[in-house]
C-alpha atoms as a PDB file:
ATOM      1  CA  MET A   1     108.302  55.164  92.978  1.00  0.00           C
ATOM      2  CA  ALA A   2     108.762  56.008  89.666  1.00  0.00           C
ATOM      3  CA  THR A   3     105.723  58.789  90.397  1.00  0.00           C
ATOM      4  CA  ALA A   4     107.542  60.186  93.486  1.00  0.00           C
ATOM      5  CA  THR A   5     110.929  60.434  91.266  1.00  0.00           C
ATOM      6  CA  VAL A   6     108.870  62.056  88.148  1.00  0.00           C
ATOM      7  CA  ARG A   7     107.387  64.769  90.645  1.00  0.00           C
ATOM      8  CA  ALA A   8     110.447  65.445  91.793  1.00  0.00           C
ATOM      9  CA  GLN A   9     111.538  65.947  88.374  1.00  0.00           C
ATOM     10  CA  ARG A  10     109.062  68.247  87.850  1.00  0.00           C
ATOM     11  CA  ARG A  11     109.453  70.664  91.151  1.00  0.00           C
ATOM     12  CA  THR A  12     112.631  70.233  89.852  1.00  0.00           C
ATOM     13  CA  VAL A  13     111.568  71.722  86.044  1.00  0.00           C
ATOM     14  CA  ALA A  14     109.337  74.120  87.966  1.00  0.00           C
ATOM     15  CA  LEU A  15     112.030  76.047  89.587  1.00  0.00           C
ATOM     16  CA  ARG A  16     114.589  75.972  86.485  1.00  0.00           C
ATOM     17  CA  ARG A  17     112.135  78.170  85.126  1.00  0.00           C
ATOM     18  CA  ALA A  18     111.195  80.046  88.343  1.00  0.00           C
ATOM     19  CA  PHE A  19     114.613  81.188  88.836  1.00  0.00           C
ATOM     20  CA  ALA A  20     115.615  81.261  84.671  1.00  0.00           C
ATOM     21  CA  PRO A  21     115.283  85.150  84.455  1.00  0.00           C
ATOM     22  CA  ILE A  22     117.549  85.567  87.518  1.00  0.00           C
ATOM     23  CA  ALA A  23     120.299  83.578  86.052  1.00  0.00           C
ATOM     24  CA  GLU A  24     119.942  85.479  82.346  1.00  0.00           C
ATOM     25  CA  ALA A  25     120.208  88.909  84.127  1.00  0.00           C
ATOM     26  CA  ARG A  26     123.101  91.097  82.689  1.00  0.00           C
ATOM     27  CA  GLY A  27     123.839  94.425  82.781  1.00  0.00           C
ATOM     28  CA  PHE A  28     122.359  97.300  85.610  1.00  0.00           C
ATOM     29  CA  ALA A  29     119.631  95.049  86.353  1.00  0.00           C
ATOM     30  CA  ARG A  30     121.414  92.217  87.499  1.00  0.00           C
ATOM     31  CA  TRP A  31     123.436  94.617  89.694  1.00  0.00           C
ATOM     32  CA  MET A  32     121.019  95.911  91.407  1.00  0.00           C
ATOM     33  CA  LEU A  33     118.996  92.847  91.802  1.00  0.00           C
ATOM     34  CA  PHE A  34     122.099  91.237  93.562  1.00  0.00           C
ATOM     35  CA  ALA A  35     123.423  94.792  95.353  1.00  0.00           C
ATOM     36  CA  GLY A  36     119.531  94.722  96.817  1.00  0.00           C
ATOM     37  CA  ALA A  37     119.457  91.307  98.043  1.00  0.00           C
ATOM     38  CA  ALA A  38     122.945  91.517  99.560  1.00  0.00           C
ATOM     39  CA  ILE A  39     121.753  94.692 101.476  1.00  0.00           C
ATOM     40  CA  THR A  40     118.268  93.330 102.368  1.00  0.00           C
ATOM     41  CA  LEU A  41     120.181  89.844 103.972  1.00  0.00           C
ATOM     42  CA  MET A  42     122.615  91.660 105.539  1.00  0.00           C
ATOM     43  CA  PHE A  43     119.417  93.365 107.880  1.00  0.00           C
ATOM     44  CA  VAL A  44     117.120  89.735 107.624  1.00  0.00           C
ATOM     45  CA  ILE A  45     120.333  88.103 109.353  1.00  0.00           C
ATOM     46  CA  LEU A  46     120.488  91.318 111.767  1.00  0.00           C
ATOM     47  CA  ALA A  47     116.760  90.554 112.637  1.00  0.00           C
ATOM     48  CA  ALA A  48     117.011  87.114 112.999  1.00  0.00           C
ATOM     49  CA  PHE A  49     120.102  86.674 115.017  1.00  0.00           C
ATOM     50  CA  ALA A  50     119.525  89.723 117.242  1.00  0.00           C
ATOM     51  CA  PRO A  51     119.768  88.488 120.547  1.00  0.00           C
ATOM     52  CA  LEU A  52     123.390  87.279 119.089  1.00  0.00           C
ATOM     53  CA  LEU A  53     124.549  90.012 117.544  1.00  0.00           C
ATOM     54  CA  SER A  54     123.675  92.928 120.246  1.00  0.00           C
ATOM     55  CA  PRO A  55     125.689  93.652 123.204  1.00  0.00           C
ATOM     56  CA  TYR A  56     122.574  94.465 124.554  1.00  0.00           C
ATOM     57  CA  ALA A  57     119.175  94.435 125.060  1.00  0.00           C
ATOM     58  CA  PHE A  58     117.418  97.138 123.201  1.00  0.00           C
ATOM     59  CA  ASP A  59     116.266  98.975 126.145  1.00  0.00           C
ATOM     60  CA  GLN A  60     118.954  97.943 128.583  1.00  0.00           C
ATOM     61  CA  TYR A  61     120.681 100.968 130.150  1.00  0.00           C
ATOM     62  CA  GLN A  62     122.636  98.985 133.052  1.00  0.00           C
ATOM     63  CA  ALA A  63     125.209  96.233 133.334  1.00  0.00           C
ATOM     64  CA  ASN A  64     127.113  94.547 136.304  1.00  0.00           C
ATOM     65  CA  GLY A  65     125.048  96.510 138.448  1.00  0.00           C
ATOM     66  CA  HIS A  66     126.788 100.468 137.325  1.00  0.00           C
ATOM     67  CA  ARG A  67     124.337 102.563 134.771  1.00  0.00           C
ATOM     68  CA  PHE A  68     125.524 103.248 131.340  1.00  0.00           C
ATOM     69  CA  ALA A  69     126.720 107.128 130.529  1.00  0.00           C
ATOM     70  CA  GLN A  70     123.463 109.231 129.127  1.00  0.00           C
ATOM     71  CA  LEU A  71     124.577 110.637 125.484  1.00  0.00           C
ATOM     72  CA  ALA A  72     128.030 109.124 125.905  1.00  0.00           C
ATOM     73  CA  ARG A  73     130.228 109.234 122.707  1.00  0.00           C
ATOM     74  CA  PRO A  74     131.168 106.484 120.102  1.00  0.00           C
ATOM     75  CA  GLY A  75     133.596 104.588 121.620  1.00  0.00           C
ATOM     76  CA  HIS A  76     134.677 101.678 123.667  1.00  0.00           C
ATOM     77  CA  GLY A  77     132.119  99.595 125.651  1.00  0.00           C
ATOM     78  CA  HIS A  78     129.497 101.563 123.052  1.00  0.00           C
ATOM     79  CA  ILE A  79     130.732 101.427 119.302  1.00  0.00           C
ATOM     80  CA  LEU A  80     128.225 103.772 117.924  1.00  0.00           C
ATOM     81  CA  GLY A  81     127.795 105.389 121.614  1.00  0.00           C
ATOM     82  CA  THR A  82     124.085 105.703 124.035  1.00  0.00           C
ATOM     83  CA  THR A  83     121.153 107.652 124.123  1.00  0.00           C
ATOM     84  CA  VAL A  84     119.334 110.363 126.299  1.00  0.00           C
ATOM     85  CA  GLN A  85     117.910 106.902 128.292  1.00  0.00           C
ATOM     86  CA  SER A  86     121.184 105.537 128.744  1.00  0.00           C
ATOM     87  CA  THR A  87     120.277 103.025 126.565  1.00  0.00           C
ATOM     88  CA  ASP A  88     123.095 101.089 123.465  1.00  0.00           C
ATOM     89  CA  VAL A  89     122.642 102.613 120.007  1.00  0.00           C
ATOM     90  CA  LEU A  90     124.324  99.458 118.088  1.00  0.00           C
ATOM     91  CA  ALA A  91     121.729  97.560 120.331  1.00  0.00           C
ATOM     92  CA  ARG A  92     118.529 100.071 119.480  1.00  0.00           C
ATOM     93  CA  ILE A  93     119.512  99.412 115.475  1.00  0.00           C
ATOM     94  CA  VAL A  94     119.906  95.534 115.506  1.00  0.00           C
ATOM     95  CA  TYR A  95     116.456  95.601 117.796  1.00  0.00           C
ATOM     96  CA  GLY A  96     115.191  97.650 115.455  1.00  0.00           C
ATOM     97  CA  ALA A  97     115.781  96.027 112.436  1.00  0.00           C
ATOM     98  CA  GLN A  98     114.086  92.764 113.896  1.00  0.00           C
ATOM     99  CA  THR A  99     111.082  95.606 114.456  1.00  0.00           C
ATOM    100  CA  GLU A 100     111.077  96.965 111.063  1.00  0.00           C
ATOM    101  CA  LEU A 101     111.443  93.814 109.417  1.00  0.00           C
ATOM    102  CA  GLU A 102     108.155  92.000 111.615  1.00  0.00           C
ATOM    103  CA  VAL A 103     106.144  94.772 110.905  1.00  0.00           C
ATOM    104  CA  VAL A 104     106.748  95.045 107.242  1.00  0.00           C
ATOM    105  CA  GLY A 105     106.720  91.467 107.163  1.00  0.00           C
ATOM    106  CA  LEU A 106     103.467  90.967 108.688  1.00  0.00           C
ATOM    107  CA  ALA A 107     102.284  93.854 106.518  1.00  0.00           C
ATOM    108  CA  LEU A 108     102.734  92.274 103.452  1.00  0.00           C
ATOM    109  CA  ALA A 109     101.194  88.796 104.530  1.00  0.00           C
ATOM    110  CA  PHE A 110      98.230  90.829 105.503  1.00  0.00           C
ATOM    111  CA  GLY A 111      97.831  92.498 102.277  1.00  0.00           C
ATOM    112  CA  LEU A 112      98.607  90.038 100.093  1.00  0.00           C
ATOM    113  CA  ALA A 113      95.815  87.665 101.843  1.00  0.00           C
ATOM    114  CA  VAL A 114      93.120  89.859 101.425  1.00  0.00           C
ATOM    115  CA  GLY A 115      94.140  92.110  98.275  1.00  0.00           C
ATOM    116  CA  VAL A 116      95.027  89.499  95.767  1.00  0.00           C
ATOM    117  CA  PRO A 117      92.461  86.872  96.175  1.00  0.00           C
ATOM    118  CA  LEU A 118      89.742  89.540  96.226  1.00  0.00           C
ATOM    119  CA  GLY A 119      91.273  90.873  92.990  1.00  0.00           C
ATOM    120  CA  LEU A 120      90.694  87.418  91.322  1.00  0.00           C
ATOM    121  CA  VAL A 121      87.247  86.902  92.747  1.00  0.00           C
ATOM    122  CA  SER A 122      86.197  90.304  91.837  1.00  0.00           C
ATOM    123  CA  GLY A 123      88.275  90.632  88.318  1.00  0.00           C
ATOM    124  CA  TYR A 124      86.806  87.356  87.345  1.00  0.00           C
ATOM    125  CA  PHE A 125      83.115  87.605  88.128  1.00  0.00           C
ATOM    126  CA  GLY A 126      82.253  91.352  87.894  1.00  0.00           C
ATOM    127  CA  GLY A 127      79.146  92.377  88.725  1.00  0.00           C
ATOM    128  CA  ILE A 128      77.792  93.837  92.061  1.00  0.00           C
ATOM    129  CA  LEU A 129      81.042  92.764  93.414  1.00  0.00           C
ATOM    130  CA  ASP A 130      83.584  94.038  91.026  1.00  0.00           C
ATOM    131  CA  ARG A 131      81.451  97.472  91.274  1.00  0.00           C
ATOM    132  CA  GLY A 132      81.551  97.366  95.000  1.00  0.00           C
ATOM    133  CA  SER A 133      85.159  96.605  95.721  1.00  0.00           C
ATOM    134  CA  VAL A 134      86.208  99.172  92.995  1.00  0.00           C
ATOM    135  CA  PHE A 135      84.351 101.696  94.793  1.00  0.00           C
ATOM    136  CA  PHE A 136      85.937 101.076  97.845  1.00  0.00           C
ATOM    137  CA  MET A 137      89.433 101.056  96.927  1.00  0.00           C
ATOM    138  CA  ASP A 138      88.601 104.605  94.866  1.00  0.00           C
ATOM    139  CA  ALA A 139      87.793 105.377  98.169  1.00  0.00           C
ATOM    140  CA  MET A 140      90.922 104.397 100.211  1.00  0.00           C
ATOM    141  CA  PHE A 141      93.144 105.693  97.637  1.00  0.00           C
ATOM    142  CA  ALA A 142      91.807 109.012  98.082  1.00  0.00           C
ATOM    143  CA  PHE A 143      93.181 109.780 101.888  1.00  0.00           C
ATOM    144  CA  PRO A 144      96.767 110.305 101.779  1.00  0.00           C
ATOM    145  CA  PRO A 145      98.711 106.886 102.631  1.00  0.00           C
ATOM    146  CA  LEU A 146     100.434 108.022 105.888  1.00  0.00           C
ATOM    147  CA  LEU A 147      97.216 110.074 107.315  1.00  0.00           C
ATOM    148  CA  LEU A 148      95.117 106.790 106.653  1.00  0.00           C
ATOM    149  CA  ALA A 149      98.194 105.198 108.734  1.00  0.00           C
ATOM    150  CA  ILE A 150      98.005 107.610 111.136  1.00  0.00           C
ATOM    151  CA  ILE A 151      94.043 106.758 111.277  1.00  0.00           C
ATOM    152  CA  ILE A 152      93.903 103.381 111.521  1.00  0.00           C
ATOM    153  CA  ALA A 153      96.861 103.246 114.107  1.00  0.00           C
ATOM    154  CA  PHE A 154      95.086 105.698 116.331  1.00  0.00           C
ATOM    155  CA  LEU A 155      91.690 103.561 116.298  1.00  0.00           C
ATOM    156  CA  LEU A 156      93.254 100.316 117.223  1.00  0.00           C
ATOM    157  CA  GLY A 157      95.786 102.074 119.772  1.00  0.00           C
ATOM    158  CA  SER A 158      93.494 101.856 122.503  1.00  0.00           C
ATOM    159  CA  SER A 159      91.888  97.991 121.646  1.00  0.00           C
ATOM    160  CA  VAL A 160      95.062  96.151 120.364  1.00  0.00           C
ATOM    161  CA  SER A 161      97.535  95.549 122.979  1.00  0.00           C
ATOM    162  CA  SER A 162     100.567  94.551 120.789  1.00  0.00           C
ATOM    163  CA  GLY A 163     102.203  97.859 119.255  1.00  0.00           C
ATOM    164  CA  VAL A 164     103.772  95.243 116.358  1.00  0.00           C
ATOM    165  CA  LEU A 165     100.290  94.418 115.241  1.00  0.00           C
ATOM    166  CA  VAL A 166      98.634  97.604 115.082  1.00  0.00           C
ATOM    167  CA  ALA A 167     101.623  99.156 112.750  1.00  0.00           C
ATOM    168  CA  ALA A 168     100.875  96.147 111.005  1.00  0.00           C
ATOM    169  CA  ILE A 169      97.651  96.421 110.489  1.00  0.00           C
ATOM    170  CA  ALA A 170      97.626 100.598 109.626  1.00  0.00           C
ATOM    171  CA  ILE A 171     100.206  99.810 107.123  1.00  0.00           C
ATOM    172  CA  THR A 172      98.082  96.604 105.335  1.00  0.00           C
ATOM    173  CA  ILE A 173      95.363  98.896 104.853  1.00  0.00           C
ATOM    174  CA  VAL A 174      97.457 101.225 102.814  1.00  0.00           C
ATOM    175  CA  TYR A 175      98.622  98.568 100.461  1.00  0.00           C
ATOM    176  CA  VAL A 176      95.516  96.682 100.172  1.00  0.00           C
ATOM    177  CA  PRO A 177      94.165  98.513  97.130  1.00  0.00           C
ATOM    178  CA  GLN A 178      97.477  98.722  95.120  1.00  0.00           C
ATOM    179  CA  TYR A 179      97.182  94.533  95.053  1.00  0.00           C
ATOM    180  CA  PHE A 180      93.406  94.266  94.568  1.00  0.00           C
ATOM    181  CA  ARG A 181      93.825  96.849  91.783  1.00  0.00           C
ATOM    182  CA  VAL A 182      96.824  94.797  89.790  1.00  0.00           C
ATOM    183  CA  VAL A 183      95.533  91.453  90.032  1.00  0.00           C
ATOM    184  CA  ARG A 184      91.352  92.724  88.787  1.00  0.00           C
ATOM    185  CA  ASN A 185      93.350  94.066  85.874  1.00  0.00           C
ATOM    186  CA  HIS A 186      95.105  91.554  84.975  1.00  0.00           C
ATOM    187  CA  VAL A 187      92.297  88.913  85.538  1.00  0.00           C
ATOM    188  CA  ILE A 188      89.766  91.403  83.399  1.00  0.00           C
ATOM    189  CA  SER A 189      92.456  90.689  80.599  1.00  0.00           C
ATOM    190  CA  VAL A 190      93.010  86.750  81.279  1.00  0.00           C
ATOM    191  CA  ARG A 191      89.307  85.346  82.087  1.00  0.00           C
ATOM    192  CA  GLU A 192      88.554  86.191  78.003  1.00  0.00           C
ATOM    193  CA  GLU A 193      91.802  84.264  76.469  1.00  0.00           C
ATOM    194  CA  GLN A 194      91.527  80.956  74.729  1.00  0.00           C
ATOM    195  CA  TYR A 195      92.240  78.405  77.584  1.00  0.00           C
ATOM    196  CA  VAL A 196      90.460  80.243  80.212  1.00  0.00           C
ATOM    197  CA  GLU A 197      87.226  79.756  77.414  1.00  0.00           C
ATOM    198  CA  ALA A 198      88.634  76.539  76.655  1.00  0.00           C
ATOM    199  CA  ALA A 199      88.383  75.065  80.903  1.00  0.00           C
ATOM    200  CA  ARG A 200      84.350  76.672  80.672  1.00  0.00           C
ATOM    201  CA  ALA A 201      83.647  74.758  77.465  1.00  0.00           C
ATOM    202  CA  LEU A 202      85.320  71.509  79.000  1.00  0.00           C
ATOM    203  CA  GLY A 203      82.894  72.202  82.515  1.00  0.00           C
ATOM    204  CA  ALA A 204      85.625  73.162  84.751  1.00  0.00           C
ATOM    205  CA  LYS A 205      84.256  74.959  87.603  1.00  0.00           C
ATOM    206  CA  PRO A 206      84.961  78.826  88.271  1.00  0.00           C
ATOM    207  CA  PHE A 207      87.520  78.663  91.498  1.00  0.00           C
ATOM    208  CA  THR A 208      89.372  75.517  89.759  1.00  0.00           C
ATOM    209  CA  ILE A 209      89.725  78.143  86.756  1.00  0.00           C
ATOM    210  CA  LEU A 210      90.621  80.770  88.951  1.00  0.00           C
ATOM    211  CA  ARG A 211      93.545  78.222  91.185  1.00  0.00           C
ATOM    212  CA  ARG A 212      94.722  76.180  88.342  1.00  0.00           C
ATOM    213  CA  TYR A 213      94.573  78.771  84.839  1.00  0.00           C
ATOM    214  CA  VAL A 214      94.136  82.078  86.044  1.00  0.00           C
ATOM    215  CA  PHE A 215      96.025  82.779  89.018  1.00  0.00           C
ATOM    216  CA  PHE A 216      99.869  81.969  87.561  1.00  0.00           C
ATOM    217  CA  ASN A 217      99.340  84.327  84.811  1.00  0.00           C
ATOM    218  CA  VAL A 218      98.436  87.518  86.827  1.00  0.00           C
ATOM    219  CA  VAL A 219     100.432  87.274  89.752  1.00  0.00           C
ATOM    220  CA  GLN A 220     104.085  87.968  87.877  1.00  0.00           C
ATOM    221  CA  ASN A 221     104.215  91.407  89.139  1.00  0.00           C
ATOM    222  CA  VAL A 222     102.921  91.183  93.002  1.00  0.00           C
ATOM    223  CA  PRO A 223     106.063  90.220  93.895  1.00  0.00           C
ATOM    224  CA  VAL A 224     107.574  93.379  92.696  1.00  0.00           C
ATOM    225  CA  ILE A 225     105.208  95.416  93.893  1.00  0.00           C
ATOM    226  CA  ALA A 226     105.474  93.720  96.960  1.00  0.00           C
ATOM    227  CA  THR A 227     109.172  94.468  97.284  1.00  0.00           C
ATOM    228  CA  LEU A 228     108.931  97.919  96.471  1.00  0.00           C
ATOM    229  CA  ASN A 229     105.649  98.328  98.784  1.00  0.00           C
ATOM    230  CA  ALA A 230     108.082  96.897 101.363  1.00  0.00           C
ATOM    231  CA  ALA A 231     110.476  99.760 100.929  1.00  0.00           C
ATOM    232  CA  ASP A 232     107.858 102.269 101.024  1.00  0.00           C
ATOM    233  CA  ALA A 233     106.342 100.254 104.203  1.00  0.00           C
ATOM    234  CA  VAL A 234     109.646 100.859 105.925  1.00  0.00           C
ATOM    235  CA  LEU A 235     109.116 104.676 105.558  1.00  0.00           C
ATOM    236  CA  THR A 236     105.676 104.536 106.485  1.00  0.00           C
ATOM    237  CA  LEU A 237     106.870 102.881 110.014  1.00  0.00           C
ATOM    238  CA  THR A 238     109.127 104.973 111.015  1.00  0.00           C
ATOM    239  CA  ALA A 239     106.812 107.797 110.104  1.00  0.00           C
ATOM    240  CA  LEU A 240     104.314 106.967 112.659  1.00  0.00           C
ATOM    241  CA  GLY A 241     106.960 105.784 115.036  1.00  0.00           C
ATOM    242  CA  PHE A 242     108.311 109.386 114.403  1.00  0.00           C
ATOM    243  CA  ILE A 243     105.084 111.117 115.120  1.00  0.00           C
ATOM    244  CA  GLY A 244     104.277 108.474 118.671  1.00  0.00           C
ATOM    245  CA  TYR A 245     101.819 106.070 116.760  1.00  0.00           C
ATOM    246  CA  GLY A 246     104.167 103.580 115.998  1.00  0.00           C
ATOM    247  CA  VAL A 247     105.605 100.786 117.974  1.00  0.00           C
ATOM    248  CA  GLN A 248     106.044 101.755 122.018  1.00  0.00           C
ATOM    249  CA  PRO A 249     108.811 101.836 123.182  1.00  0.00           C
ATOM    250  CA  THR A 250     108.040  99.476 126.023  1.00  0.00           C
ATOM    251  CA  GLN A 251     107.196  96.734 122.885  1.00  0.00           C
ATOM    252  CA  GLY A 252     110.486  97.039 121.507  1.00  0.00           C
ATOM    253  CA  ALA A 253     113.076  98.942 119.246  1.00  0.00           C
ATOM    254  CA  GLU A 254     111.696 101.903 116.517  1.00  0.00           C
ATOM    255  CA  TRP A 255     113.974 103.816 114.526  1.00  0.00           C
ATOM    256  CA  GLY A 256     111.532 106.057 113.737  1.00  0.00           C
ATOM    257  CA  TYR A 257     111.001 106.900 117.416  1.00  0.00           C
ATOM    258  CA  ASP A 258     115.043 106.811 118.063  1.00  0.00           C
ATOM    259  CA  VAL A 259     115.104 109.537 115.385  1.00  0.00           C
ATOM    260  CA  SER A 260     112.413 111.209 117.185  1.00  0.00           C
ATOM    261  CA  ARG A 261     113.879 111.519 120.111  1.00  0.00           C
ATOM    262  CA  ALA A 262     117.138 112.535 118.931  1.00  0.00           C
ATOM    263  CA  VAL A 263     116.015 115.880 117.189  1.00  0.00           C
ATOM    264  CA  THR A 264     116.362 117.567 120.461  1.00  0.00           C
ATOM    265  CA  ASP A 265     120.401 116.535 120.539  1.00  0.00           C
ATOM    266  CA  VAL A 266     121.464 117.704 117.200  1.00  0.00           C
ATOM    267  CA  ALA A 267     121.446 121.284 118.490  1.00  0.00           C
ATOM    268  CA  SER A 268     123.584 120.309 121.417  1.00  0.00           C
ATOM    269  CA  GLY A 269     126.448 118.812 118.899  1.00  0.00           C
ATOM    270  CA  ILE A 270     125.194 114.878 120.040  1.00  0.00           C
ATOM    271  CA  TRP A 271     124.817 113.738 116.157  1.00  0.00           C
ATOM    272  CA  TRP A 272     124.988 109.446 116.827  1.00  0.00           C
ATOM    273  CA  THR A 273     122.027 109.228 118.441  1.00  0.00           C
ATOM    274  CA  GLY A 274     120.279 109.910 114.807  1.00  0.00           C
ATOM    275  CA  LEU A 275     123.052 109.750 112.769  1.00  0.00           C
ATOM    276  CA  PHE A 276     123.039 105.948 112.775  1.00  0.00           C
ATOM    277  CA  PRO A 277     119.336 105.031 113.189  1.00  0.00           C
ATOM    278  CA  GLY A 278     118.512 107.549 109.857  1.00  0.00           C
ATOM    279  CA  LEU A 279     121.182 105.674 108.135  1.00  0.00           C
ATOM    280  CA  ALA A 280     119.607 102.065 109.022  1.00  0.00           C
ATOM    281  CA  ILE A 281     116.398 103.522 107.490  1.00  0.00           C
ATOM    282  CA  VAL A 282     118.488 104.623 104.377  1.00  0.00           C
ATOM    283  CA  LEU A 283     120.424 101.823 103.940  1.00  0.00           C
ATOM    284  CA  LEU A 284     117.384  99.262 104.265  1.00  0.00           C
ATOM    285  CA  VAL A 285     115.139 101.383 102.244  1.00  0.00           C
ATOM    286  CA  SER A 286     117.801 101.326  99.066  1.00  0.00           C
ATOM    287  CA  GLY A 287     118.193  97.614  99.333  1.00  0.00           C
ATOM    288  CA  LEU A 288     114.409  96.828  99.171  1.00  0.00           C
ATOM    289  CA  THR A 289     114.268  99.373  96.215  1.00  0.00           C
ATOM    290  CA  LEU A 290     117.140  97.870  94.049  1.00  0.00           C
ATOM    291  CA  LEU A 291     115.658  94.638  94.795  1.00  0.00           C
ATOM    292  CA  GLY A 292     112.100  95.259  93.741  1.00  0.00           C
ATOM    293  CA  GLU A 293     113.457  97.296  90.724  1.00  0.00           C
ATOM    294  CA  GLY A 294     116.186  94.279  89.771  1.00  0.00           C
ATOM    295  CA  LEU A 295     113.284  92.028  90.261  1.00  0.00           C
ATOM    296  CA  ASN A 296     111.588  94.426  87.870  1.00  0.00           C
ATOM    297  CA  GLU A 297     114.095  94.463  84.838  1.00  0.00           C
ATOM    298  CA  THR A 298     114.477  90.481  85.068  1.00  0.00           C
ATOM    299  CA  ILE A 299     111.641  89.226  85.657  1.00  0.00           C
ATOM    300  CA  ASN A 300     109.203  91.641  83.136  1.00  0.00           C
ATOM    301  CA  PRO A 301     109.504  90.246  79.788  1.00  0.00           C
ATOM    302  CA  VAL A 302     109.950  94.075  78.240  1.00  0.00           C
ATOM    303  CA  LEU A 303     112.409  95.255  79.966  1.00  0.00           C
ATOM    304  CA  ARG A 304     114.275  92.051  80.704  1.00  0.00           C
ATOM    305  CA  ARG A 305     117.572  91.595  78.473  1.00  0.00           C
ATOM    306  CA  ARG A 306     119.385  88.489  77.874  1.00  0.00           C
ATOM    307  CA  ALA A 307     123.091  88.417  76.636  1.00  0.00           C
ATOM    308  CA  ILE A 308     123.854  88.413  73.080  1.00  0.00           C
ATOM    309  CA  ARG A 309     126.236  85.551  72.040  1.00  0.00           C
ATOM    310  CA  GLN A 310     128.508  86.219  68.867  1.00  0.00           C
ATOM    311  CA  VAL A 311     127.635  83.525  66.373  1.00  0.00           C
ATOM    312  CA  ASP A 312     131.329  82.393  64.250  1.00  0.00           C
ATOM    313  CA  PHE A 313     129.869  81.733  60.881  1.00  0.00           C
ATOM    314  CA  ASP A 314     133.154  80.825  59.318  1.00  0.00           C
ATOM    315  CA  ALA A 315     133.444  77.619  62.483  1.00  0.00           C
ATOM    316  CA  PRO A 316     133.305  73.957  61.347  1.00  0.00           C
ATOM    317  CA  SER A 317     129.484  72.539  61.649  1.00  0.00           C
ATOM    318  CA  PHE A 318     128.405  68.855  62.683  1.00  0.00           C
ATOM    319  CA  ASP A 319     126.447  67.480  59.962  1.00  0.00           C
ATOM    320  CA  ALA A 320     124.746  65.140  61.727  1.00  0.00           C
ATOM    321  CA  GLY A 321     122.751  63.901  58.709  1.00  0.00           C
ATOM    322  CA  ALA A 322     125.468  63.601  56.701  1.00  0.00           C
ATOM    323  CA  GLU A 323     127.557  61.286  58.982  1.00  0.00           C
ATOM    324  CA  PHE A 324     124.391  59.140  59.591  1.00  0.00           C
ATOM    325  CA  TYR A 325     124.202  58.426  56.160  1.00  0.00           C
ATOM    326  CA  GLU A 326     127.920  57.482  56.154  1.00  0.00           C
ATOM    327  CA  ALA A 327     127.529  55.354  59.340  1.00  0.00           C
END
């Protein structure tokens, strides 16, 4: 029982230390952090409760035996109007949030699962493995990110049936080199620290050193990079959808696809089919960017600012020693 209490206390202390920089955030950094978190949370709620919040399914074009009007203006029955396929624009946006976050979440998970361990091992052991990994990652950096994503999506399109998985893998390939380089460079600087040398001298195994002494000292910047990459991943996904290599229209709603279909509507004065998906893209990207920049300003000790407390030198002080001797 005592052991469980001690473990619970240690976890509480660890959580307090982890969230202490966020609690101490002040000024513009605090505003960016909370504004980005609020916008991102709004889209997370839309994605999580899409069936409850959406008035219709993403591909529904009729109700009660009656087909929806094509390109109906925003109004009663369709708050944001309808598309040329008679689908509801609001439903497309709500279910589009689900698609965007699902693809981006998978892409970040795959990228972290590949890039971080590879950077740890490559930076710590060095040698041929490090040289080969750096050469391969630099070769991937030579390709423009969107072009690389298009190539991967094109190659996997015929072999993988899930459009969400194809888009996630295509985006993952783009961001693995970034995680690899950041983690590897930090490991190279950390592996020569005295506490790592002491662990080696005590006979600790290499992977034990990586897990207990190196990992938590090199991943501070990874959450910030992942958040900023999530914003860029949304743009990459919408670009893939715009040119037809993203999530297929029969598999889910996707904002980039909706914007591409709305291009021809603008010439006819039909603005709602492209305006609202475009605003959703801008809002989600802005929220993730603000969240990432806020985290960077909060977590980074070089940029972090703490509250300055004014000291009143005229205030009476408590002399514990004098009271002790008087007692």
